[in-house]
């Protein structure tokens, strides 16, 4: 902030402290004078709103916005940042891999990778992924939810992040079973789009082996 006038601002320094406080322990500004031609730099941190659309944004500063200092002629002093803040969003996609065959009643490992295809990165954000099993090669309402994974992690742009879970196939299952992952299903962070958040199906052929049948042949 620059005082371009000819007179100093003699605004008094005021700070409220608890009765009985030792003034020597307080950081009290006792020379709060804006003299002509002097600069008064300031630093302010702020959080960029999460709902901004992708694009370039500028920061504007208006000095003496509520006119606590009398000025003449009082022309509003507004300045814009030289460089913009560029807002970019991620775009999470997901792929799944499983063994080509599995036995009913036994566990199977589901591996899936979440890839950020967008220009923006995700830093230390919560994400919820849902894993489904289905007898259909097309994801629809018949898919059965088998797990919900809640993760807090980074998704750097262009980098695939691997995950895996174990699932026990029901003993009565047989034939082809399809697995799907729906990443960031509840949009805990904003993306450029959401149409690619459900994986293509990963298929396994579930074998239902002949049950063991023990027979007593002789009794001593």
C-alpha atoms as a PDB file:
ATOM      1  CA  UNK A   1       0.000   0.000   0.000  1.00  0.00           C
ATOM      2  CA  UNK A   2       1.455   3.387  -1.043  1.00  0.00           C
ATOM      3  CA  UNK A   3       0.494   6.758   0.397  1.00  0.00           C
ATOM      4  CA  UNK A   4       0.614   9.034  -2.653  1.00  0.00           C
ATOM      5  CA  UNK A   5      -0.816  12.044  -0.816  1.00  0.00           C
ATOM      6  CA  UNK A   6       1.007  14.941   0.827  1.00  0.00           C
ATOM      7  CA  UNK A   7      -0.109  14.287   4.416  1.00  0.00           C
ATOM      8  CA  UNK A   8       0.582  11.358   6.710  1.00  0.00           C
ATOM      9  CA  UNK A   9      -2.203   9.187   8.080  1.00  0.00           C
ATOM     10  CA  UNK A  10      -1.965   9.631  11.853  1.00  0.00           C
ATOM     11  CA  UNK A  11      -4.354   6.803  12.696  1.00  0.00           C
ATOM     12  CA  UNK A  12      -3.659   5.716  16.280  1.00  0.00           C
ATOM     13  CA  UNK A  13      -2.505   2.201  17.108  1.00  0.00           C
ATOM     14  CA  UNK A  14      -5.192   0.367  19.055  1.00  0.00           C
ATOM     15  CA  UNK A  15      -5.043  -3.131  20.487  1.00  0.00           C
ATOM     16  CA  UNK A  16      -7.358  -4.641  23.091  1.00  0.00           C
ATOM     17  CA  UNK A  17      -5.757  -6.906  25.681  1.00  0.00           C
ATOM     18  CA  UNK A  18      -7.011  -8.632  28.797  1.00  0.00           C
ATOM     19  CA  UNK A  19      -6.906  -6.529  31.967  1.00  0.00           C
ATOM     20  CA  UNK A  20      -3.673  -7.156  33.839  1.00  0.00           C
ATOM     21  CA  UNK A  21      -1.706  -8.174  30.723  1.00  0.00           C
ATOM     22  CA  UNK A  22       1.934  -7.079  30.688  1.00  0.00           C
ATOM     23  CA  UNK A  23       2.222  -4.763  27.628  1.00  0.00           C
ATOM     24  CA  UNK A  24       5.825  -5.831  27.091  1.00  0.00           C
ATOM     25  CA  UNK A  25       4.580  -9.308  26.135  1.00  0.00           C
ATOM     26  CA  UNK A  26       2.324  -7.968  23.382  1.00  0.00           C
ATOM     27  CA  UNK A  27       3.302  -7.067  19.812  1.00  0.00           C
ATOM     28  CA  UNK A  28       1.722  -3.611  19.695  1.00  0.00           C
ATOM     29  CA  UNK A  29       2.288  -1.361  16.677  1.00  0.00           C
ATOM     30  CA  UNK A  30       3.181   2.045  18.109  1.00  0.00           C
ATOM     31  CA  UNK A  31       4.151   3.722  14.811  1.00  0.00           C
ATOM     32  CA  UNK A  32       1.068   3.184  12.685  1.00  0.00           C
ATOM     33  CA  UNK A  33       1.688   6.201  10.441  1.00  0.00           C
ATOM     34  CA  UNK A  34       1.297   6.084   6.657  1.00  0.00           C
ATOM     35  CA  UNK A  35       3.687   8.823   5.565  1.00  0.00           C
ATOM     36  CA  UNK A  36       3.641  10.378   2.077  1.00  0.00           C
ATOM     37  CA  UNK A  37       5.543   8.340  -0.507  1.00  0.00           C
ATOM     38  CA  UNK A  38       5.988   5.311   1.775  1.00  0.00           C
ATOM     39  CA  UNK A  39       5.148   1.709   0.935  1.00  0.00           C
ATOM     40  CA  UNK A  40       3.406  -0.638   3.346  1.00  0.00           C
ATOM     41  CA  UNK A  41       3.653  -4.225   2.068  1.00  0.00           C
ATOM     42  CA  UNK A  42       1.243  -6.853   3.400  1.00  0.00           C
ATOM     43  CA  UNK A  43       0.795 -10.581   2.979  1.00  0.00           C
ATOM     44  CA  UNK A  44      -2.535 -12.399   3.049  1.00  0.00           C
ATOM     45  CA  UNK A  45      -3.213 -16.110   2.645  1.00  0.00           C
ATOM     46  CA  UNK A  46      -6.558 -17.304   1.324  1.00  0.00           C
ATOM     47  CA  UNK A  47      -8.157 -20.548   0.182  1.00  0.00           C
ATOM     48  CA  UNK A  48      -9.142 -20.774  -3.478  1.00  0.00           C
ATOM     49  CA  UNK A  49     -12.860 -21.702  -3.607  1.00  0.00           C
ATOM     50  CA  UNK A  50     -13.379 -25.356  -4.515  1.00  0.00           C
ATOM     51  CA  UNK A  51     -16.313 -24.651  -6.845  1.00  0.00           C
ATOM     52  CA  UNK A  52     -14.442 -22.457  -9.338  1.00  0.00           C
ATOM     53  CA  UNK A  53     -14.645 -23.641 -12.920  1.00  0.00           C
ATOM     54  CA  UNK A  54     -11.368 -24.323 -14.793  1.00  0.00           C
ATOM     55  CA  UNK A  55      -9.765 -21.182 -16.190  1.00  0.00           C
ATOM     56  CA  UNK A  56      -7.656 -18.158 -15.273  1.00  0.00           C
ATOM     57  CA  UNK A  57      -8.527 -15.957 -12.306  1.00  0.00           C
ATOM     58  CA  UNK A  58      -7.001 -12.737 -10.992  1.00  0.00           C
ATOM     59  CA  UNK A  59      -6.681 -11.327  -7.497  1.00  0.00           C
ATOM     60  CA  UNK A  60      -7.844  -7.735  -6.942  1.00  0.00           C
ATOM     61  CA  UNK A  61      -6.863  -5.607  -3.939  1.00  0.00           C
ATOM     62  CA  UNK A  62      -8.696  -2.438  -2.952  1.00  0.00           C
ATOM     63  CA  UNK A  63      -6.877  -0.237  -0.444  1.00  0.00           C
ATOM     64  CA  UNK A  64      -8.859   1.566   2.282  1.00  0.00           C
ATOM     65  CA  UNK A  65     -11.956  -0.317   1.163  1.00  0.00           C
ATOM     66  CA  UNK A  66     -14.160   0.830   4.062  1.00  0.00           C
ATOM     67  CA  UNK A  67     -12.608   4.324   4.151  1.00  0.00           C
ATOM     68  CA  UNK A  68     -11.270   4.263   7.682  1.00  0.00           C
ATOM     69  CA  UNK A  69      -8.561   6.667   6.429  1.00  0.00           C
ATOM     70  CA  UNK A  70      -9.651  10.006   4.955  1.00  0.00           C
ATOM     71  CA  UNK A  71      -8.222  10.549   1.461  1.00  0.00           C
ATOM     72  CA  UNK A  72      -8.276  13.352  -1.057  1.00  0.00           C
ATOM     73  CA  UNK A  73      -9.454  13.216  -3.763  1.00  0.00           C
ATOM     74  CA  UNK A  74     -10.430   9.716  -2.628  1.00  0.00           C
ATOM     75  CA  UNK A  75     -10.064   7.891  -5.951  1.00  0.00           C
ATOM     76  CA  UNK A  76     -10.513   4.146  -5.292  1.00  0.00           C
ATOM     77  CA  UNK A  77      -7.155   2.400  -5.362  1.00  0.00           C
ATOM     78  CA  UNK A  78      -7.709  -1.000  -6.947  1.00  0.00           C
ATOM     79  CA  UNK A  79      -4.954  -3.160  -8.348  1.00  0.00           C
ATOM     80  CA  UNK A  80      -5.022  -6.529 -10.091  1.00  0.00           C
ATOM     81  CA  UNK A  81      -2.424  -9.288  -9.878  1.00  0.00           C
ATOM     82  CA  UNK A  82      -0.102  -9.422 -12.895  1.00  0.00           C
ATOM     83  CA  UNK A  83      -0.220 -13.199 -13.220  1.00  0.00           C
ATOM     84  CA  UNK A  84      -3.414 -15.247 -13.058  1.00  0.00           C
ATOM     85  CA  UNK A  85      -4.274 -18.166 -10.816  1.00  0.00           C
ATOM     86  CA  UNK A  86      -4.911 -21.053 -13.218  1.00  0.00           C
ATOM     87  CA  UNK A  87      -7.583 -23.488 -12.032  1.00  0.00           C
ATOM     88  CA  UNK A  88      -7.213 -27.026 -13.412  1.00  0.00           C
ATOM     89  CA  UNK A  89      -9.252 -30.106 -12.575  1.00  0.00           C
ATOM     90  CA  UNK A  90      -8.358 -33.802 -12.464  1.00  0.00           C
ATOM     91  CA  UNK A  91     -10.114 -36.535 -14.444  1.00  0.00           C
ATOM     92  CA  UNK A  92     -10.074 -39.919 -12.666  1.00  0.00           C
ATOM     93  CA  UNK A  93     -10.365 -43.093 -14.735  1.00  0.00           C
ATOM     94  CA  UNK A  94     -10.095 -46.671 -13.509  1.00  0.00           C
ATOM     95  CA  UNK A  95      -9.116 -50.088 -14.876  1.00  0.00           C
ATOM     96  CA  UNK A  96      -9.484 -53.541 -13.277  1.00  0.00           C
ATOM     97  CA  UNK A  97      -7.593 -56.826 -13.630  1.00  0.00           C
ATOM     98  CA  UNK A  98      -8.362 -60.240 -12.117  1.00  0.00           C
ATOM     99  CA  UNK A  99      -7.329 -63.868 -12.802  1.00  0.00           C
ATOM    100  CA  UNK A 100      -9.031 -65.412 -15.824  1.00  0.00           C
ATOM    101  CA  UNK A 101     -10.340 -68.321 -13.736  1.00  0.00           C
ATOM    102  CA  UNK A 102     -11.330 -68.719 -10.104  1.00  0.00           C
ATOM    103  CA  UNK A 103     -12.821 -71.410  -7.887  1.00  0.00           C
ATOM    104  CA  UNK A 104     -16.145 -70.968  -6.151  1.00  0.00           C
ATOM    105  CA  UNK A 105     -15.784 -70.637  -2.408  1.00  0.00           C
ATOM    106  CA  UNK A 106     -12.202 -69.388  -2.648  1.00  0.00           C
ATOM    107  CA  UNK A 107     -10.699 -65.898  -2.498  1.00  0.00           C
ATOM    108  CA  UNK A 108      -9.639 -63.892  -5.503  1.00  0.00           C
ATOM    109  CA  UNK A 109      -7.528 -60.713  -5.697  1.00  0.00           C
ATOM    110  CA  UNK A 110      -9.024 -57.729  -7.483  1.00  0.00           C
ATOM    111  CA  UNK A 111      -6.408 -55.270  -8.719  1.00  0.00           C
ATOM    112  CA  UNK A 112      -7.402 -51.841  -9.953  1.00  0.00           C
ATOM    113  CA  UNK A 113      -5.556 -48.698 -11.025  1.00  0.00           C
ATOM    114  CA  UNK A 114      -6.907 -45.176 -10.717  1.00  0.00           C
ATOM    115  CA  UNK A 115      -5.382 -42.940 -13.389  1.00  0.00           C
ATOM    116  CA  UNK A 116      -5.683 -39.161 -13.396  1.00  0.00           C
ATOM    117  CA  UNK A 117      -6.035 -38.143 -17.052  1.00  0.00           C
ATOM    118  CA  UNK A 118      -6.803 -34.520 -16.279  1.00  0.00           C
ATOM    119  CA  UNK A 119      -4.437 -31.522 -16.227  1.00  0.00           C
ATOM    120  CA  UNK A 120      -4.997 -30.882 -12.506  1.00  0.00           C
ATOM    121  CA  UNK A 121      -3.550 -33.001  -9.695  1.00  0.00           C
ATOM    122  CA  UNK A 122      -5.239 -34.181  -6.501  1.00  0.00           C
ATOM    123  CA  UNK A 123      -3.366 -33.676  -3.231  1.00  0.00           C
ATOM    124  CA  UNK A 124      -4.182 -35.565  -0.039  1.00  0.00           C
ATOM    125  CA  UNK A 125      -7.883 -35.810  -0.911  1.00  0.00           C
ATOM    126  CA  UNK A 126     -10.479 -38.284   0.332  1.00  0.00           C
ATOM    127  CA  UNK A 127     -11.889 -40.540  -2.383  1.00  0.00           C
ATOM    128  CA  UNK A 128     -14.523 -43.268  -2.203  1.00  0.00           C
ATOM    129  CA  UNK A 129     -14.418 -46.232  -4.605  1.00  0.00           C
ATOM    130  CA  UNK A 130     -17.086 -48.914  -4.994  1.00  0.00           C
ATOM    131  CA  UNK A 131     -16.374 -52.455  -6.245  1.00  0.00           C
ATOM    132  CA  UNK A 132     -19.105 -54.576  -7.823  1.00  0.00           C
ATOM    133  CA  UNK A 133     -19.623 -58.143  -9.067  1.00  0.00           C
ATOM    134  CA  UNK A 134     -22.151 -59.006 -11.764  1.00  0.00           C
ATOM    135  CA  UNK A 135     -23.221 -61.766 -14.125  1.00  0.00           C
ATOM    136  CA  UNK A 136     -23.684 -59.139 -16.861  1.00  0.00           C
ATOM    137  CA  UNK A 137     -21.007 -57.865 -19.227  1.00  0.00           C
ATOM    138  CA  UNK A 138     -22.719 -54.454 -19.075  1.00  0.00           C
ATOM    139  CA  UNK A 139     -22.753 -52.465 -15.844  1.00  0.00           C
ATOM    140  CA  UNK A 140     -26.354 -52.016 -14.703  1.00  0.00           C
ATOM    141  CA  UNK A 141     -28.595 -52.222 -11.674  1.00  0.00           C
ATOM    142  CA  UNK A 142     -28.044 -55.960 -11.324  1.00  0.00           C
ATOM    143  CA  UNK A 143     -24.436 -55.432 -10.202  1.00  0.00           C
ATOM    144  CA  UNK A 144     -23.885 -56.332  -6.547  1.00  0.00           C
ATOM    145  CA  UNK A 145     -21.788 -54.073  -4.335  1.00  0.00           C
ATOM    146  CA  UNK A 146     -19.054 -56.097  -2.621  1.00  0.00           C
ATOM    147  CA  UNK A 147     -16.830 -53.376  -1.134  1.00  0.00           C
ATOM    148  CA  UNK A 148     -16.479 -49.634  -0.588  1.00  0.00           C
ATOM    149  CA  UNK A 149     -12.935 -48.324  -0.262  1.00  0.00           C
ATOM    150  CA  UNK A 150     -12.283 -44.965   1.408  1.00  0.00           C
ATOM    151  CA  UNK A 151      -8.813 -43.632   0.616  1.00  0.00           C
ATOM    152  CA  UNK A 152      -6.889 -40.434   1.307  1.00  0.00           C
ATOM    153  CA  UNK A 153      -4.126 -40.021  -1.241  1.00  0.00           C
ATOM    154  CA  UNK A 154      -2.567 -38.017  -4.048  1.00  0.00           C
ATOM    155  CA  UNK A 155      -3.554 -38.468  -7.676  1.00  0.00           C
ATOM    156  CA  UNK A 156      -0.799 -36.742  -9.692  1.00  0.00           C
ATOM    157  CA  UNK A 157      -1.729 -35.873 -13.242  1.00  0.00           C
ATOM    158  CA  UNK A 158      -0.820 -38.688 -15.639  1.00  0.00           C
ATOM    159  CA  UNK A 159       0.049 -41.165 -12.890  1.00  0.00           C
ATOM    160  CA  UNK A 160      -1.752 -44.461 -12.154  1.00  0.00           C
ATOM    161  CA  UNK A 161      -2.193 -45.353  -8.471  1.00  0.00           C
ATOM    162  CA  UNK A 162      -2.615 -49.118  -7.806  1.00  0.00           C
ATOM    163  CA  UNK A 163      -4.972 -50.768  -5.301  1.00  0.00           C
ATOM    164  CA  UNK A 164      -6.077 -54.306  -4.532  1.00  0.00           C
ATOM    165  CA  UNK A 165      -8.685 -56.066  -2.421  1.00  0.00           C
ATOM    166  CA  UNK A 166      -9.473 -59.722  -1.695  1.00  0.00           C
ATOM    167  CA  UNK A 167     -12.935 -61.164  -2.344  1.00  0.00           C
ATOM    168  CA  UNK A 168     -14.317 -64.632  -1.589  1.00  0.00           C
ATOM    169  CA  UNK A 169     -16.508 -65.954  -4.377  1.00  0.00           C
ATOM    170  CA  UNK A 170     -19.778 -67.506  -3.145  1.00  0.00           C
ATOM    171  CA  UNK A 171     -19.673 -71.353  -3.127  1.00  0.00           C
ATOM    172  CA  UNK A 172     -22.743 -71.549  -5.336  1.00  0.00           C
ATOM    173  CA  UNK A 173     -21.361 -69.321  -8.098  1.00  0.00           C
ATOM    174  CA  UNK A 174     -20.378 -70.678 -11.505  1.00  0.00           C
ATOM    175  CA  UNK A 175     -19.729 -69.331 -14.983  1.00  0.00           C
ATOM    176  CA  UNK A 176     -18.552 -65.871 -15.954  1.00  0.00           C
ATOM    177  CA  UNK A 177     -18.512 -63.149 -13.323  1.00  0.00           C
ATOM    178  CA  UNK A 178     -17.712 -59.524 -14.132  1.00  0.00           C
ATOM    179  CA  UNK A 179     -16.070 -57.044 -11.787  1.00  0.00           C
ATOM    180  CA  UNK A 180     -16.424 -53.269 -11.940  1.00  0.00           C
ATOM    181  CA  UNK A 181     -14.925 -50.358  -9.987  1.00  0.00           C
ATOM    182  CA  UNK A 182     -16.637 -46.988  -9.688  1.00  0.00           C
ATOM    183  CA  UNK A 183     -14.000 -44.499  -8.533  1.00  0.00           C
ATOM    184  CA  UNK A 184     -14.867 -41.192  -6.814  1.00  0.00           C
ATOM    185  CA  UNK A 185     -18.475 -42.327  -7.035  1.00  0.00           C
ATOM    186  CA  UNK A 186     -19.768 -39.551  -4.769  1.00  0.00           C
ATOM    187  CA  UNK A 187     -17.596 -36.780  -6.277  1.00  0.00           C
ATOM    188  CA  UNK A 188     -15.663 -35.920  -3.121  1.00  0.00           C
ATOM    189  CA  UNK A 189     -13.433 -33.859  -5.424  1.00  0.00           C
ATOM    190  CA  UNK A 190     -14.470 -32.123  -8.620  1.00  0.00           C
ATOM    191  CA  UNK A 191     -13.370 -33.434 -12.009  1.00  0.00           C
ATOM    192  CA  UNK A 192     -13.496 -32.319 -15.617  1.00  0.00           C
ATOM    193  CA  UNK A 193     -16.064 -35.093 -16.195  1.00  0.00           C
ATOM    194  CA  UNK A 194     -17.529 -38.181 -14.564  1.00  0.00           C
ATOM    195  CA  UNK A 195     -18.587 -40.380 -17.482  1.00  0.00           C
ATOM    196  CA  UNK A 196     -15.355 -42.430 -17.313  1.00  0.00           C
ATOM    197  CA  UNK A 197     -15.383 -43.139 -13.565  1.00  0.00           C
ATOM    198  CA  UNK A 198     -16.724 -46.706 -14.009  1.00  0.00           C
ATOM    199  CA  UNK A 199     -14.267 -49.299 -15.274  1.00  0.00           C
ATOM    200  CA  UNK A 200     -14.711 -51.650 -18.184  1.00  0.00           C
ATOM    201  CA  UNK A 201     -15.643 -55.156 -16.983  1.00  0.00           C
ATOM    202  CA  UNK A 202     -12.958 -57.586 -15.861  1.00  0.00           C
ATOM    203  CA  UNK A 203     -14.167 -61.149 -16.326  1.00  0.00           C
ATOM    204  CA  UNK A 204     -13.281 -64.392 -14.590  1.00  0.00           C
ATOM    205  CA  UNK A 205     -14.660 -67.856 -15.240  1.00  0.00           C
ATOM    206  CA  UNK A 206     -15.807 -69.290 -11.907  1.00  0.00           C
ATOM    207  CA  UNK A 207     -15.308 -73.030 -11.671  1.00  0.00           C
ATOM    208  CA  UNK A 208     -17.459 -75.025  -9.320  1.00  0.00           C
ATOM    209  CA  UNK A 209     -15.465 -78.210  -8.651  1.00  0.00           C
ATOM    210  CA  UNK A 210     -17.181 -81.492  -7.955  1.00  0.00           C
ATOM    211  CA  UNK A 211     -17.837 -81.739  -4.216  1.00  0.00           C
ATOM    212  CA  UNK A 212     -15.778 -84.200  -2.246  1.00  0.00           C
ATOM    213  CA  UNK A 213     -17.700 -87.384  -1.388  1.00  0.00           C
ATOM    214  CA  UNK A 214     -15.960 -89.601   1.154  1.00  0.00           C
ATOM    215  CA  UNK A 215     -16.958 -93.282   1.230  1.00  0.00           C
ATOM    216  CA  UNK A 216     -16.084 -95.801   3.940  1.00  0.00           C
ATOM    217  CA  UNK A 217     -14.834 -98.972   2.247  1.00  0.00           C
ATOM    218  CA  UNK A 218     -13.886-101.189   5.161  1.00  0.00           C
ATOM    219  CA  UNK A 219     -14.086-101.249   8.904  1.00  0.00           C
ATOM    220  CA  UNK A 220     -11.404-103.296  10.701  1.00  0.00           C
END
